[in-house]
């Protein structure tokens, strides 16, 4: 993260509530509830999905038809 900040990049951190984070290292901090480590990936995927959705919408990308997404349909 320090390398990104050194190159004037923006950083967004997704962390659990109550986690100490060095000041000035992150531009934005998204706190998720502290939970059991077995369900933590599921809980963490929600803000990641929302972040990617809103970034794509802000950039004018079609969120319903992403580029380079291979789909297959099986017909019986």
N, C-alpha and C. Protein backbone atom coordinates (compact mmCIF):
# COMPACT_ATOMS: atom_id res chain seq x y z
N UNK A 1 0.81 -1.18 0.00
CA UNK A 1 0.00 0.00 0.00
C UNK A 1 0.87 1.26 0.00
N UNK A 2 1.99 1.17 0.65
CA UNK A 2 2.89 2.32 0.66
C UNK A 2 3.41 2.61 -0.75
N UNK A 3 3.63 1.56 -1.54
CA UNK A 3 4.08 1.74 -2.92
C UNK A 3 2.99 2.42 -3.75
N UNK A 4 1.75 2.05 -3.53
CA UNK A 4 0.65 2.69 -4.25
C UNK A 4 0.55 4.16 -3.87
N UNK A 5 0.63 4.45 -2.58
CA UNK A 5 0.56 5.84 -2.11
C UNK A 5 1.75 6.65 -2.62
N UNK A 6 2.92 6.03 -2.73
CA UNK A 6 4.11 6.73 -3.23
C UNK A 6 3.94 7.14 -4.68
N UNK A 7 3.12 6.38 -5.42
CA UNK A 7 2.86 6.70 -6.83
C UNK A 7 1.54 7.47 -7.00
N UNK A 8 1.08 8.06 -5.89
CA UNK A 8 -0.13 8.89 -5.86
C UNK A 8 -1.39 8.13 -6.26
N UNK A 9 -1.43 6.83 -5.92
CA UNK A 9 -2.61 6.01 -6.18
C UNK A 9 -3.60 6.11 -5.03
N UNK A 10 -4.83 5.76 -5.30
CA UNK A 10 -5.88 5.76 -4.28
C UNK A 10 -5.99 4.35 -3.70
N UNK A 11 -6.20 4.26 -2.39
CA UNK A 11 -6.35 2.97 -1.74
C UNK A 11 -7.68 2.91 -0.99
N UNK A 12 -8.35 1.78 -1.12
CA UNK A 12 -9.58 1.50 -0.40
C UNK A 12 -9.35 0.23 0.39
N UNK A 13 -9.57 0.28 1.69
CA UNK A 13 -9.30 -0.85 2.57
C UNK A 13 -10.63 -1.40 3.09
N UNK A 14 -10.80 -2.72 2.99
CA UNK A 14 -11.94 -3.39 3.58
C UNK A 14 -11.41 -4.18 4.77
N UNK A 15 -11.88 -3.83 5.96
CA UNK A 15 -11.36 -4.43 7.18
C UNK A 15 -12.51 -4.69 8.16
N UNK A 16 -12.24 -5.47 9.17
CA UNK A 16 -13.25 -5.74 10.18
C UNK A 16 -13.31 -4.58 11.17
N UNK A 17 -14.47 -4.44 11.81
CA UNK A 17 -14.64 -3.37 12.79
C UNK A 17 -13.67 -3.58 13.95
N UNK A 18 -13.13 -2.51 14.45
CA UNK A 18 -12.22 -2.57 15.57
C UNK A 18 -10.78 -2.84 15.20
N UNK A 19 -10.50 -3.07 13.94
CA UNK A 19 -9.13 -3.33 13.50
C UNK A 19 -8.39 -2.00 13.40
N UNK A 20 -7.24 -1.92 14.03
CA UNK A 20 -6.43 -0.70 13.99
C UNK A 20 -5.72 -0.63 12.65
N UNK A 21 -5.74 0.56 12.05
CA UNK A 21 -5.10 0.75 10.75
C UNK A 21 -4.29 2.03 10.80
N UNK A 22 -3.07 2.04 10.28
CA UNK A 22 -2.23 3.24 10.33
C UNK A 22 -2.89 4.42 9.62
N UNK A 23 -2.86 5.56 10.27
CA UNK A 23 -3.48 6.77 9.71
C UNK A 23 -2.74 7.21 8.45
N UNK A 24 -3.50 7.66 7.47
CA UNK A 24 -2.92 8.19 6.24
C UNK A 24 -2.56 7.14 5.20
N UNK A 25 -2.70 5.87 5.53
CA UNK A 25 -2.33 4.83 4.58
C UNK A 25 -3.48 4.51 3.62
N UNK A 26 -4.71 4.69 4.09
CA UNK A 26 -5.88 4.39 3.26
C UNK A 26 -6.67 5.66 2.99
N UNK A 27 -7.12 5.81 1.74
CA UNK A 27 -7.97 6.94 1.42
C UNK A 27 -9.39 6.71 1.93
N UNK A 28 -9.85 5.50 1.80
CA UNK A 28 -11.19 5.12 2.28
C UNK A 28 -11.08 3.81 3.04
N UNK A 29 -11.85 3.68 4.12
CA UNK A 29 -11.89 2.44 4.89
C UNK A 29 -13.34 1.98 4.96
N UNK A 30 -13.57 0.74 4.54
CA UNK A 30 -14.88 0.13 4.63
C UNK A 30 -14.80 -0.92 5.73
N UNK A 31 -15.59 -0.72 6.78
CA UNK A 31 -15.57 -1.64 7.92
C UNK A 31 -16.72 -2.63 7.80
N UNK A 32 -16.40 -3.90 7.94
CA UNK A 32 -17.43 -4.94 7.95
C UNK A 32 -17.50 -5.51 9.37
N UNK A 33 -18.63 -6.11 9.74
CA UNK A 33 -18.75 -6.66 11.10
C UNK A 33 -17.73 -7.75 11.38
N UNK A 34 -17.26 -7.79 12.60
CA UNK A 34 -16.34 -8.84 13.01
C UNK A 34 -17.17 -10.11 13.21
N UNK A 35 -16.77 -11.19 12.55
CA UNK A 35 -17.53 -12.44 12.63
C UNK A 35 -16.56 -13.62 12.59
N UNK A 36 -17.11 -14.80 12.68
CA UNK A 36 -16.31 -16.02 12.64
C UNK A 36 -15.57 -16.11 11.31
N UNK A 37 -14.35 -16.61 11.35
CA UNK A 37 -13.53 -16.64 10.13
C UNK A 37 -14.10 -17.55 9.05
N UNK A 38 -14.99 -18.46 9.40
CA UNK A 38 -15.59 -19.34 8.39
C UNK A 38 -16.56 -18.58 7.49
N UNK A 39 -17.23 -17.56 8.02
CA UNK A 39 -18.19 -16.79 7.22
C UNK A 39 -17.64 -15.44 6.78
N UNK A 40 -16.44 -15.12 7.20
CA UNK A 40 -15.85 -13.83 6.85
C UNK A 40 -15.72 -13.60 5.34
N UNK A 41 -15.33 -14.59 4.54
CA UNK A 41 -15.26 -14.36 3.08
C UNK A 41 -16.62 -14.02 2.47
N UNK A 42 -17.68 -14.60 3.00
CA UNK A 42 -19.02 -14.30 2.49
C UNK A 42 -19.41 -12.88 2.85
N UNK A 43 -19.15 -12.49 4.09
CA UNK A 43 -19.48 -11.14 4.54
C UNK A 43 -18.64 -10.11 3.80
N UNK A 44 -17.38 -10.42 3.54
CA UNK A 44 -16.49 -9.48 2.85
C UNK A 44 -16.82 -9.35 1.37
N UNK A 45 -17.45 -10.35 0.79
CA UNK A 45 -17.76 -10.28 -0.64
C UNK A 45 -18.85 -9.26 -0.95
N UNK A 46 -19.70 -8.94 0.01
CA UNK A 46 -20.78 -7.98 -0.23
C UNK A 46 -20.23 -6.59 -0.56
N UNK A 47 -19.36 -5.99 0.28
CA UNK A 47 -18.84 -4.67 -0.08
C UNK A 47 -17.97 -4.69 -1.35
N UNK A 48 -17.29 -5.80 -1.62
CA UNK A 48 -16.47 -5.90 -2.83
C UNK A 48 -17.36 -5.88 -4.07
N UNK A 49 -18.47 -6.62 -4.02
CA UNK A 49 -19.40 -6.65 -5.15
C UNK A 49 -20.04 -5.27 -5.35
N UNK A 50 -20.45 -4.62 -4.27
CA UNK A 50 -21.05 -3.29 -4.38
C UNK A 50 -20.04 -2.27 -4.90
N UNK A 51 -18.80 -2.36 -4.43
CA UNK A 51 -17.76 -1.45 -4.90
C UNK A 51 -17.53 -1.63 -6.39
N UNK A 52 -17.44 -2.86 -6.86
CA UNK A 52 -17.22 -3.09 -8.29
C UNK A 52 -18.42 -2.64 -9.11
N UNK A 53 -19.62 -2.82 -8.61
CA UNK A 53 -20.82 -2.38 -9.32
C UNK A 53 -20.83 -0.86 -9.48
N UNK A 54 -20.62 -0.15 -8.39
CA UNK A 54 -20.67 1.32 -8.45
C UNK A 54 -19.50 1.91 -9.23
N UNK A 55 -18.34 1.29 -9.17
CA UNK A 55 -17.21 1.76 -9.98
C UNK A 55 -17.50 1.58 -11.47
N UNK A 56 -18.05 0.43 -11.84
CA UNK A 56 -18.39 0.18 -13.23
C UNK A 56 -19.46 1.16 -13.71
N UNK A 57 -20.46 1.40 -12.88
CA UNK A 57 -21.52 2.34 -13.25
C UNK A 57 -20.96 3.76 -13.40
N UNK A 58 -20.06 4.15 -12.51
CA UNK A 58 -19.46 5.48 -12.57
C UNK A 58 -18.59 5.65 -13.81
N UNK A 59 -17.94 4.58 -14.25
CA UNK A 59 -17.09 4.61 -15.43
C UNK A 59 -17.88 4.45 -16.73
N UNK A 60 -19.19 4.25 -16.61
CA UNK A 60 -20.03 4.13 -17.79
C UNK A 60 -20.00 2.75 -18.43
N UNK A 61 -19.58 1.76 -17.68
CA UNK A 61 -19.55 0.39 -18.21
C UNK A 61 -20.93 -0.25 -18.07
N UNK A 62 -21.24 -1.18 -18.96
CA UNK A 62 -22.50 -1.91 -18.88
C UNK A 62 -22.35 -2.99 -17.81
N UNK A 63 -23.03 -2.82 -16.69
CA UNK A 63 -22.87 -3.76 -15.58
C UNK A 63 -23.61 -5.08 -15.82
N UNK A 64 -24.55 -5.09 -16.77
CA UNK A 64 -25.29 -6.31 -17.06
C UNK A 64 -24.61 -7.18 -18.11
N UNK A 65 -23.70 -6.61 -18.90
CA UNK A 65 -22.99 -7.37 -19.92
C UNK A 65 -21.50 -7.02 -19.86
N UNK A 66 -20.77 -7.61 -18.89
CA UNK A 66 -19.34 -7.31 -18.79
C UNK A 66 -18.56 -7.81 -20.00
N UNK A 67 -17.48 -7.11 -20.32
CA UNK A 67 -16.61 -7.52 -21.42
C UNK A 67 -15.90 -8.82 -21.07
N UNK A 68 -15.57 -9.57 -22.10
CA UNK A 68 -14.75 -10.77 -21.99
C UNK A 68 -15.32 -11.82 -21.03
N UNK A 69 -16.62 -11.86 -20.88
CA UNK A 69 -17.25 -12.86 -20.03
C UNK A 69 -17.80 -13.97 -20.91
N UNK A 70 -17.20 -15.15 -20.78
CA UNK A 70 -17.63 -16.29 -21.58
C UNK A 70 -18.82 -16.95 -20.90
N UNK A 71 -19.87 -17.14 -21.66
CA UNK A 71 -21.06 -17.80 -21.13
C UNK A 71 -21.38 -19.01 -22.00
N UNK A 72 -21.89 -20.04 -21.39
CA UNK A 72 -22.30 -21.20 -22.14
C UNK A 72 -23.72 -21.57 -21.75
N UNK A 73 -24.46 -22.00 -22.74
CA UNK A 73 -25.85 -22.38 -22.53
C UNK A 73 -26.02 -23.80 -23.04
N UNK A 74 -26.60 -24.64 -22.22
CA UNK A 74 -26.85 -26.02 -22.61
C UNK A 74 -28.33 -26.17 -22.96
N UNK A 75 -28.60 -26.67 -24.15
CA UNK A 75 -29.97 -26.86 -24.59
C UNK A 75 -30.19 -28.35 -24.77
N UNK A 76 -31.26 -28.84 -24.19
CA UNK A 76 -31.56 -30.27 -24.33
C UNK A 76 -32.52 -30.52 -25.47
